Amino acid sequence: MIIYLASDHAGFELKAKIKKYLEEGSYEVKDCGPLLFDKDDDYPDFIRLAAEEIAKDPENSRGFIMGGGGQGEAMVANRQRGVRAAVFYGPREPLGDIDILGKKSRDSYEQIRLAREHNDANVLSFAARFLTDSEAFTAIKIFLETPFSSELRHKRRVDKF
């Protein structure tokens, strides 16, 4: 499996740390940029490169993309056929007994598991301004270790993308 990375200036520092983390874990990593910090860069230029590479083999490649908020990056990535990007802001604080719309709060790590298991997400977009390095590393571990469930209902739904 090849893992593609891309960011903008807001995610540049986190991308470097993620690259080191993955390489230390013996993953094959391709950095789609930026390779130098530029506060005026445009994230679509780099995210598109990573997404195009992932789209060539969406089942056997993964991507971690990052920017200040992660949403725009995911939007760019999701324009490529075969790319399924989910956004990660960081884990939420538990709400204890508080119900939201009649449901107990769940942390965002569970959302990563569900994005992989139910939606076969192959890209995780990080909101670099909202999470710590440790939270990003935990998210990566969960994302890479969680398989797609391949249940018929999930496969049918993903095939409709």
N, C-alpha and C. Protein backbone atom coordinates (compact mmCIF):
# COMPACT_ATOMS: atom_id res chain seq x y z
N MET A 1 0.84 -1.18 0.00
CA MET A 1 0.00 0.00 0.00
C MET A 1 0.89 1.25 0.00
N ILE A 2 0.54 2.19 -0.85
CA ILE A 2 1.23 3.48 -0.89
C ILE A 2 0.34 4.50 -0.20
N ILE A 3 0.95 5.34 0.60
CA ILE A 3 0.21 6.40 1.30
C ILE A 3 0.67 7.74 0.74
N TYR A 4 -0.30 8.51 0.24
CA TYR A 4 -0.03 9.82 -0.33
C TYR A 4 -0.36 10.90 0.68
N LEU A 5 0.49 11.92 0.74
CA LEU A 5 0.31 13.05 1.64
C LEU A 5 0.25 14.33 0.83
N ALA A 6 -0.57 15.27 1.30
CA ALA A 6 -0.62 16.60 0.71
C ALA A 6 -1.20 17.56 1.74
N SER A 7 -0.84 18.83 1.60
CA SER A 7 -1.33 19.83 2.56
C SER A 7 -1.32 21.20 1.91
N ASP A 8 -1.61 22.17 2.74
CA ASP A 8 -1.37 23.56 2.40
C ASP A 8 -0.43 24.10 3.48
N HIS A 9 -0.27 25.42 3.52
CA HIS A 9 0.62 26.02 4.52
C HIS A 9 0.18 25.73 5.96
N ALA A 10 -1.13 25.69 6.20
CA ALA A 10 -1.64 25.46 7.55
C ALA A 10 -1.40 24.02 8.02
N GLY A 11 -1.28 23.09 7.09
CA GLY A 11 -1.04 21.69 7.44
C GLY A 11 0.39 21.25 7.18
N PHE A 12 1.23 22.18 6.74
CA PHE A 12 2.60 21.84 6.33
C PHE A 12 3.40 21.17 7.45
N GLU A 13 3.37 21.73 8.63
CA GLU A 13 4.13 21.18 9.75
C GLU A 13 3.60 19.81 10.16
N LEU A 14 2.28 19.66 10.22
CA LEU A 14 1.68 18.38 10.57
C LEU A 14 2.02 17.32 9.52
N LYS A 15 2.02 17.70 8.25
CA LYS A 15 2.35 16.76 7.18
C LYS A 15 3.76 16.20 7.37
N ALA A 16 4.70 17.05 7.72
CA ALA A 16 6.08 16.59 7.94
C ALA A 16 6.14 15.59 9.09
N LYS A 17 5.39 15.83 10.14
CA LYS A 17 5.38 14.92 11.29
C LYS A 17 4.70 13.59 10.93
N ILE A 18 3.62 13.67 10.16
CA ILE A 18 2.92 12.46 9.74
C ILE A 18 3.82 11.64 8.80
N LYS A 19 4.52 12.30 7.92
CA LYS A 19 5.42 11.60 7.00
C LYS A 19 6.46 10.82 7.79
N LYS A 20 7.07 11.45 8.78
CA LYS A 20 8.08 10.78 9.62
C LYS A 20 7.45 9.61 10.37
N TYR A 21 6.28 9.83 10.95
CA TYR A 21 5.57 8.78 11.69
C TYR A 21 5.30 7.56 10.81
N LEU A 22 4.83 7.79 9.60
CA LEU A 22 4.52 6.68 8.69
C LEU A 22 5.78 5.97 8.21
N GLU A 23 6.81 6.73 7.88
CA GLU A 23 8.06 6.12 7.43
C GLU A 23 8.69 5.28 8.54
N GLU A 24 8.60 5.75 9.78
CA GLU A 24 9.10 4.96 10.90
C GLU A 24 8.30 3.68 11.08
N GLY A 25 7.06 3.67 10.62
CA GLY A 25 6.21 2.48 10.65
C GLY A 25 6.36 1.62 9.41
N SER A 26 7.36 1.91 8.59
CA SER A 26 7.70 1.13 7.38
C SER A 26 6.65 1.22 6.28
N TYR A 27 5.89 2.29 6.25
CA TYR A 27 4.95 2.51 5.15
C TYR A 27 5.66 3.20 4.00
N GLU A 28 5.22 2.91 2.78
CA GLU A 28 5.72 3.63 1.61
C GLU A 28 4.92 4.91 1.49
N VAL A 29 5.61 6.04 1.51
CA VAL A 29 4.96 7.35 1.55
C VAL A 29 5.40 8.18 0.35
N LYS A 30 4.43 8.81 -0.29
CA LYS A 30 4.71 9.75 -1.38
C LYS A 30 4.16 11.11 -0.96
N ASP A 31 5.02 12.10 -0.93
CA ASP A 31 4.66 13.46 -0.53
C ASP A 31 4.33 14.27 -1.78
N CYS A 32 3.08 14.65 -1.92
CA CYS A 32 2.63 15.41 -3.09
C CYS A 32 2.73 16.92 -2.89
N GLY A 33 3.30 17.33 -1.78
CA GLY A 33 3.57 18.74 -1.56
C GLY A 33 2.59 19.40 -0.61
N PRO A 34 2.95 20.62 -0.32
CA PRO A 34 4.10 21.36 -0.79
C PRO A 34 5.38 20.87 -0.13
N LEU A 35 6.49 21.06 -0.81
CA LEU A 35 7.78 20.63 -0.28
C LEU A 35 8.48 21.75 0.47
N LEU A 36 8.05 22.98 0.23
CA LEU A 36 8.56 24.15 0.94
C LEU A 36 7.38 24.95 1.48
N PHE A 37 7.56 25.56 2.65
CA PHE A 37 6.50 26.36 3.25
C PHE A 37 6.30 27.64 2.45
N ASP A 38 5.04 27.91 2.10
CA ASP A 38 4.66 29.15 1.42
C ASP A 38 3.30 29.56 1.96
N LYS A 39 3.26 30.64 2.72
CA LYS A 39 2.00 31.05 3.35
C LYS A 39 0.92 31.43 2.35
N ASP A 40 1.28 31.60 1.10
CA ASP A 40 0.32 31.99 0.07
C ASP A 40 -0.03 30.85 -0.89
N ASP A 41 0.32 29.62 -0.54
CA ASP A 41 0.03 28.51 -1.44
C ASP A 41 -1.48 28.25 -1.52
N ASP A 42 -1.86 27.46 -2.51
CA ASP A 42 -3.26 27.10 -2.73
C ASP A 42 -3.40 25.60 -2.60
N TYR A 43 -4.13 25.16 -1.58
CA TYR A 43 -4.24 23.72 -1.29
C TYR A 43 -4.75 22.87 -2.45
N PRO A 44 -5.65 23.37 -3.32
CA PRO A 44 -6.11 22.48 -4.41
C PRO A 44 -4.97 21.97 -5.29
N ASP A 45 -3.91 22.76 -5.44
CA ASP A 45 -2.79 22.35 -6.30
C ASP A 45 -2.15 21.05 -5.79
N PHE A 46 -2.03 20.91 -4.48
CA PHE A 46 -1.36 19.75 -3.89
C PHE A 46 -2.33 18.60 -3.61
N ILE A 47 -3.50 18.95 -3.13
CA ILE A 47 -4.50 17.92 -2.81
C ILE A 47 -4.92 17.19 -4.08
N ARG A 48 -5.08 17.92 -5.17
CA ARG A 48 -5.46 17.30 -6.45
C ARG A 48 -4.42 16.28 -6.89
N LEU A 49 -3.14 16.60 -6.72
CA LEU A 49 -2.08 15.65 -7.10
C LEU A 49 -2.20 14.35 -6.31
N ALA A 50 -2.41 14.45 -5.00
CA ALA A 50 -2.55 13.25 -4.17
C ALA A 50 -3.80 12.47 -4.58
N ALA A 51 -4.91 13.17 -4.77
CA ALA A 51 -6.17 12.51 -5.13
C ALA A 51 -6.07 11.80 -6.48
N GLU A 52 -5.39 12.41 -7.44
CA GLU A 52 -5.22 11.78 -8.75
C GLU A 52 -4.42 10.48 -8.61
N GLU A 53 -3.41 10.48 -7.78
CA GLU A 53 -2.61 9.26 -7.56
C GLU A 53 -3.45 8.18 -6.89
N ILE A 54 -4.20 8.55 -5.86
CA ILE A 54 -5.05 7.59 -5.15
C ILE A 54 -6.11 7.02 -6.10
N ALA A 55 -6.65 7.86 -6.96
CA ALA A 55 -7.69 7.43 -7.90
C ALA A 55 -7.19 6.38 -8.89
N LYS A 56 -5.89 6.31 -9.11
CA LYS A 56 -5.33 5.30 -10.02
C LYS A 56 -5.46 3.89 -9.43
N ASP A 57 -5.47 3.79 -8.09
CA ASP A 57 -5.59 2.49 -7.42
C ASP A 57 -6.26 2.72 -6.05
N PRO A 58 -7.55 3.08 -6.07
CA PRO A 58 -8.21 3.48 -4.83
C PRO A 58 -8.35 2.39 -3.77
N GLU A 59 -8.25 1.15 -4.17
CA GLU A 59 -8.39 0.07 -3.20
C GLU A 59 -7.06 -0.23 -2.49
N ASN A 60 -5.96 0.12 -3.10
CA ASN A 60 -4.65 -0.24 -2.55
C ASN A 60 -3.79 0.96 -2.20
N SER A 61 -4.38 2.13 -2.15
CA SER A 61 -3.65 3.31 -1.72
C SER A 61 -4.50 4.07 -0.72
N ARG A 62 -3.85 4.87 0.08
CA ARG A 62 -4.53 5.69 1.08
C ARG A 62 -3.93 7.08 1.02
N GLY A 63 -4.65 8.03 1.58
CA GLY A 63 -4.14 9.38 1.61
C GLY A 63 -4.46 10.08 2.92
N PHE A 64 -3.54 10.92 3.31
CA PHE A 64 -3.76 11.83 4.44
C PHE A 64 -3.48 13.22 3.92
N ILE A 65 -4.51 14.05 3.96
CA ILE A 65 -4.41 15.41 3.46
C ILE A 65 -4.74 16.33 4.62
N MET A 66 -4.21 17.54 4.58
CA MET A 66 -4.45 18.41 5.72
C MET A 66 -4.38 19.87 5.34
N GLY A 67 -5.20 20.63 6.03
CA GLY A 67 -5.23 22.07 5.90
C GLY A 67 -5.75 22.64 7.20
N GLY A 68 -6.01 23.91 7.23
CA GLY A 68 -6.48 24.52 8.46
C GLY A 68 -7.74 23.88 9.00
N GLY A 69 -8.75 23.72 8.15
CA GLY A 69 -10.02 23.15 8.58
C GLY A 69 -10.33 21.78 8.01
N GLY A 70 -9.65 21.39 6.96
CA GLY A 70 -9.83 20.06 6.39
C GLY A 70 -10.99 19.90 5.43
N GLN A 71 -11.96 20.79 5.47
CA GLN A 71 -13.15 20.63 4.62
C GLN A 71 -12.85 20.88 3.15
N GLY A 72 -12.20 22.00 2.84
CA GLY A 72 -11.88 22.31 1.45
C GLY A 72 -11.01 21.24 0.83
N GLU A 73 -10.07 20.73 1.62
CA GLU A 73 -9.19 19.68 1.14
C GLU A 73 -9.99 18.42 0.78
N ALA A 74 -10.93 18.06 1.64
CA ALA A 74 -11.78 16.89 1.37
C ALA A 74 -12.63 17.12 0.12
N MET A 75 -13.13 18.34 -0.05
CA MET A 75 -13.95 18.65 -1.23
C MET A 75 -13.15 18.46 -2.52
N VAL A 76 -11.91 18.92 -2.52
CA VAL A 76 -11.05 18.75 -3.70
C VAL A 76 -10.80 17.27 -3.95
N ALA A 77 -10.43 16.55 -2.91
CA ALA A 77 -10.12 15.12 -3.06
C ALA A 77 -11.33 14.34 -3.56
N ASN A 78 -12.50 14.64 -3.04
CA ASN A 78 -13.70 13.89 -3.40
C ASN A 78 -14.16 14.14 -4.83
N ARG A 79 -13.59 15.09 -5.50
CA ARG A 79 -13.94 15.32 -6.91
C ARG A 79 -13.33 14.25 -7.83
N GLN A 80 -12.35 13.51 -7.33
CA GLN A 80 -11.72 12.45 -8.12
C GLN A 80 -12.51 11.15 -7.95
N ARG A 81 -12.90 10.57 -9.06
CA ARG A 81 -13.63 9.30 -9.03
C ARG A 81 -12.80 8.24 -8.31
N GLY A 82 -13.41 7.55 -7.38
CA GLY A 82 -12.73 6.50 -6.63
C GLY A 82 -12.13 6.97 -5.31
N VAL A 83 -12.09 8.28 -5.11
CA VAL A 83 -11.58 8.82 -3.85
C VAL A 83 -12.76 9.07 -2.92
N ARG A 84 -12.60 8.61 -1.68
CA ARG A 84 -13.64 8.77 -0.66
C ARG A 84 -12.97 9.35 0.58
N ALA A 85 -13.06 10.67 0.72
CA ALA A 85 -12.38 11.38 1.81
C ALA A 85 -13.35 11.74 2.93
N ALA A 86 -12.91 11.49 4.15
CA ALA A 86 -13.64 11.87 5.36
C ALA A 86 -12.79 12.91 6.10
N VAL A 87 -13.44 13.75 6.89
CA VAL A 87 -12.74 14.82 7.62
C VAL A 87 -12.61 14.45 9.09
N PHE A 88 -11.45 14.75 9.67
CA PHE A 88 -11.21 14.53 11.10
C PHE A 88 -10.77 15.83 11.75
N TYR A 89 -11.56 16.28 12.73
CA TYR A 89 -11.25 17.52 13.45
C TYR A 89 -10.49 17.28 14.73
N GLY A 90 -10.53 16.06 15.23
CA GLY A 90 -9.96 15.74 16.52
C GLY A 90 -11.06 15.17 17.39
N PRO A 91 -10.68 14.45 18.43
CA PRO A 91 -11.70 13.83 19.28
C PRO A 91 -12.44 14.88 20.09
N ARG A 92 -13.70 14.66 20.29
CA ARG A 92 -14.52 15.55 21.11
C ARG A 92 -14.42 15.13 22.56
N GLU A 93 -14.65 16.08 23.42
CA GLU A 93 -14.74 15.76 24.84
C GLU A 93 -16.03 14.98 25.07
N PRO A 94 -15.98 13.94 25.90
CA PRO A 94 -17.21 13.20 26.20
C PRO A 94 -18.23 14.12 26.86
N LEU A 95 -19.48 13.94 26.52
CA LEU A 95 -20.55 14.76 27.08
C LEU A 95 -21.24 14.10 28.26
N GLY A 96 -20.71 12.98 28.71
CA GLY A 96 -21.30 12.32 29.87
C GLY A 96 -22.71 11.87 29.59
N ASP A 97 -23.64 12.29 30.42
CA ASP A 97 -25.03 11.86 30.30
C ASP A 97 -25.85 12.74 29.38
N ILE A 98 -25.23 13.72 28.76
CA ILE A 98 -25.98 14.64 27.89
C ILE A 98 -26.34 13.92 26.60
N ASP A 99 -27.60 14.02 26.22
CA ASP A 99 -28.07 13.46 24.96
C ASP A 99 -28.15 14.57 23.92
N ILE A 100 -27.73 14.26 22.71
CA ILE A 100 -27.90 15.18 21.60
C ILE A 100 -28.85 14.50 20.63
N LEU A 101 -29.99 15.11 20.42
CA LEU A 101 -31.01 14.55 19.54
C LEU A 101 -31.36 13.12 19.94
N GLY A 102 -31.35 12.87 21.27
CA GLY A 102 -31.74 11.56 21.77
C GLY A 102 -30.67 10.50 21.69
N LYS A 103 -29.44 10.89 21.38
CA LYS A 103 -28.35 9.91 21.27
C LYS A 103 -27.18 10.34 22.13
N LYS A 104 -26.53 9.39 22.72
CA LYS A 104 -25.33 9.67 23.51
C LYS A 104 -24.21 10.13 22.57
N SER A 105 -23.35 10.99 23.07
CA SER A 105 -22.22 11.47 22.29
C SER A 105 -21.26 10.32 21.99
N ARG A 106 -20.67 10.33 20.81
CA ARG A 106 -19.63 9.37 20.45
C ARG A 106 -18.41 10.18 20.02
N ASP A 107 -17.23 9.66 20.27
CA ASP A 107 -16.05 10.42 19.89
C ASP A 107 -15.76 10.28 18.39
N SER A 108 -14.92 11.16 17.89
CA SER A 108 -14.61 11.19 16.46
C SER A 108 -13.77 10.01 16.00
N TYR A 109 -13.08 9.35 16.92
CA TYR A 109 -12.34 8.16 16.51
C TYR A 109 -13.31 7.09 16.02
N GLU A 110 -14.46 6.99 16.65
CA GLU A 110 -15.49 6.05 16.18
C GLU A 110 -15.96 6.44 14.78
N GLN A 111 -16.01 7.74 14.51
CA GLN A 111 -16.40 8.20 13.18
C GLN A 111 -15.38 7.76 12.13
N ILE A 112 -14.10 7.71 12.50
CA ILE A 112 -13.07 7.23 11.56
C ILE A 112 -13.31 5.75 11.27
N ARG A 113 -13.57 4.97 12.32
CA ARG A 113 -13.84 3.54 12.12
C ARG A 113 -15.02 3.35 11.18
N LEU A 114 -16.08 4.11 11.40
CA LEU A 114 -17.27 3.98 10.56
C LEU A 114 -17.00 4.42 9.12
N ALA A 115 -16.20 5.45 8.95
CA ALA A 115 -15.86 5.90 7.59
C ALA A 115 -15.13 4.80 6.83
N ARG A 116 -14.28 4.06 7.52
CA ARG A 116 -13.58 2.93 6.88
C ARG A 116 -14.51 1.74 6.70
N GLU A 117 -15.17 1.33 7.78
CA GLU A 117 -16.00 0.11 7.75
C GLU A 117 -17.20 0.24 6.82
N HIS A 118 -17.89 1.35 6.87
CA HIS A 118 -19.15 1.49 6.13
C HIS A 118 -18.99 2.17 4.78
N ASN A 119 -18.02 3.09 4.66
CA ASN A 119 -17.90 3.88 3.44
C ASN A 119 -16.63 3.62 2.65
N ASP A 120 -15.78 2.72 3.16
CA ASP A 120 -14.52 2.39 2.50
C ASP A 120 -13.71 3.65 2.19
N ALA A 121 -13.70 4.60 3.14
CA ALA A 121 -12.92 5.83 2.97
C ALA A 121 -11.47 5.46 2.72
N ASN A 122 -10.85 6.13 1.75
CA ASN A 122 -9.44 5.87 1.47
C ASN A 122 -8.58 7.11 1.67
N VAL A 123 -9.21 8.20 2.10
CA VAL A 123 -8.50 9.43 2.41
C VAL A 123 -9.06 10.00 3.71
N LEU A 124 -8.16 10.47 4.56
CA LEU A 124 -8.57 11.15 5.77
C LEU A 124 -8.01 12.56 5.70
N SER A 125 -8.91 13.53 5.82
CA SER A 125 -8.55 14.94 5.75
C SER A 125 -8.48 15.50 7.17
N PHE A 126 -7.34 16.04 7.53
CA PHE A 126 -7.13 16.56 8.88
C PHE A 126 -7.36 18.06 8.95
N ALA A 127 -8.06 18.48 9.99
CA ALA A 127 -8.20 19.89 10.34
C ALA A 127 -7.02 20.23 11.24
N ALA A 128 -5.91 20.62 10.65
CA ALA A 128 -4.64 20.77 11.36
C ALA A 128 -4.71 21.79 12.50
N ARG A 129 -5.57 22.77 12.38
CA ARG A 129 -5.67 23.80 13.43
C ARG A 129 -6.43 23.33 14.67
N PHE A 130 -7.03 22.15 14.60
CA PHE A 130 -7.89 21.70 15.69
C PHE A 130 -7.44 20.42 16.37
N LEU A 131 -6.28 19.88 16.03
CA LEU A 131 -5.87 18.63 16.67
C LEU A 131 -4.39 18.61 16.97
N THR A 132 -4.03 17.75 17.89
CA THR A 132 -2.63 17.59 18.27
C THR A 132 -1.98 16.52 17.40
N ASP A 133 -0.66 16.48 17.44
CA ASP A 133 0.07 15.44 16.70
C ASP A 133 -0.36 14.06 17.17
N SER A 134 -0.46 13.89 18.47
CA SER A 134 -0.85 12.59 19.04
C SER A 134 -2.23 12.16 18.56
N GLU A 135 -3.17 13.09 18.50
CA GLU A 135 -4.51 12.77 18.00
C GLU A 135 -4.46 12.37 16.53
N ALA A 136 -3.62 13.04 15.75
CA ALA A 136 -3.47 12.70 14.34
C ALA A 136 -2.89 11.29 14.20
N PHE A 137 -1.88 10.96 15.00
CA PHE A 137 -1.25 9.63 14.93
C PHE A 137 -2.24 8.53 15.32
N THR A 138 -3.06 8.80 16.34
CA THR A 138 -4.09 7.83 16.74
C THR A 138 -5.08 7.63 15.61
N ALA A 139 -5.49 8.72 14.98
CA ALA A 139 -6.44 8.64 13.86
C ALA A 139 -5.85 7.84 12.71
N ILE A 140 -4.58 8.05 12.42
CA ILE A 140 -3.91 7.32 11.33
C ILE A 140 -3.91 5.83 11.63
N LYS A 141 -3.54 5.48 12.84
CA LYS A 141 -3.49 4.07 13.25
C LYS A 141 -4.86 3.42 13.06
N ILE A 142 -5.91 4.07 13.54
CA ILE A 142 -7.27 3.54 13.41
C ILE A 142 -7.65 3.43 11.93
N PHE A 143 -7.37 4.46 11.17
CA PHE A 143 -7.73 4.50 9.75
C PHE A 143 -7.05 3.37 8.98
N LEU A 144 -5.77 3.16 9.23
CA LEU A 144 -5.02 2.14 8.49
C LEU A 144 -5.33 0.72 8.95
N GLU A 145 -5.73 0.56 10.20
CA GLU A 145 -5.99 -0.79 10.72
C GLU A 145 -7.44 -1.23 10.59
N THR A 146 -8.34 -0.32 10.25
CA THR A 146 -9.75 -0.67 10.15
C THR A 146 -10.09 -1.08 8.72
N PRO A 147 -10.54 -2.30 8.52
CA PRO A 147 -10.89 -2.75 7.17
C PRO A 147 -12.32 -2.33 6.78
N PHE A 148 -12.55 -2.29 5.49
CA PHE A 148 -13.91 -2.13 4.99
C PHE A 148 -14.67 -3.41 5.31
N SER A 149 -15.88 -3.28 5.78
CA SER A 149 -16.63 -4.46 6.22
C SER A 149 -17.00 -5.40 5.08
N SER A 150 -17.14 -4.90 3.89
CA SER A 150 -17.54 -5.68 2.71
C SER A 150 -18.93 -6.30 2.84
N GLU A 151 -19.69 -5.90 3.87
CA GLU A 151 -21.07 -6.38 3.94
C GLU A 151 -21.78 -5.91 2.68
N LEU A 152 -22.70 -6.72 2.20
CA LEU A 152 -23.39 -6.43 0.95
C LEU A 152 -24.03 -5.04 0.96
N ARG A 153 -24.68 -4.66 2.05
CA ARG A 153 -25.36 -3.36 2.09
C ARG A 153 -24.36 -2.21 1.97
N HIS A 154 -23.18 -2.35 2.60
CA HIS A 154 -22.17 -1.29 2.51
C HIS A 154 -21.52 -1.27 1.13
N LYS A 155 -21.23 -2.43 0.60
CA LYS A 155 -20.64 -2.50 -0.74
C LYS A 155 -21.61 -1.91 -1.77
N ARG A 156 -22.88 -2.26 -1.67
CA ARG A 156 -23.89 -1.73 -2.59
C ARG A 156 -23.93 -0.22 -2.54
N ARG A 157 -23.86 0.35 -1.35
CA ARG A 157 -23.93 1.79 -1.19
C ARG A 157 -22.69 2.48 -1.75
N VAL A 158 -21.53 1.92 -1.45
CA VAL A 158 -20.28 2.52 -1.96
C VAL A 158 -20.26 2.43 -3.48
N ASP A 159 -20.74 1.34 -4.04
CA ASP A 159 -20.78 1.20 -5.50
C ASP A 159 -21.65 2.29 -6.15
N LYS A 160 -22.58 2.85 -5.42
CA LYS A 160 -23.44 3.92 -5.96
C LYS A 160 -22.77 5.28 -5.94
N PHE A 161 -21.64 5.39 -5.29
CA PHE A 161 -20.93 6.67 -5.27
C PHE A 161 -20.57 7.06 -6.69
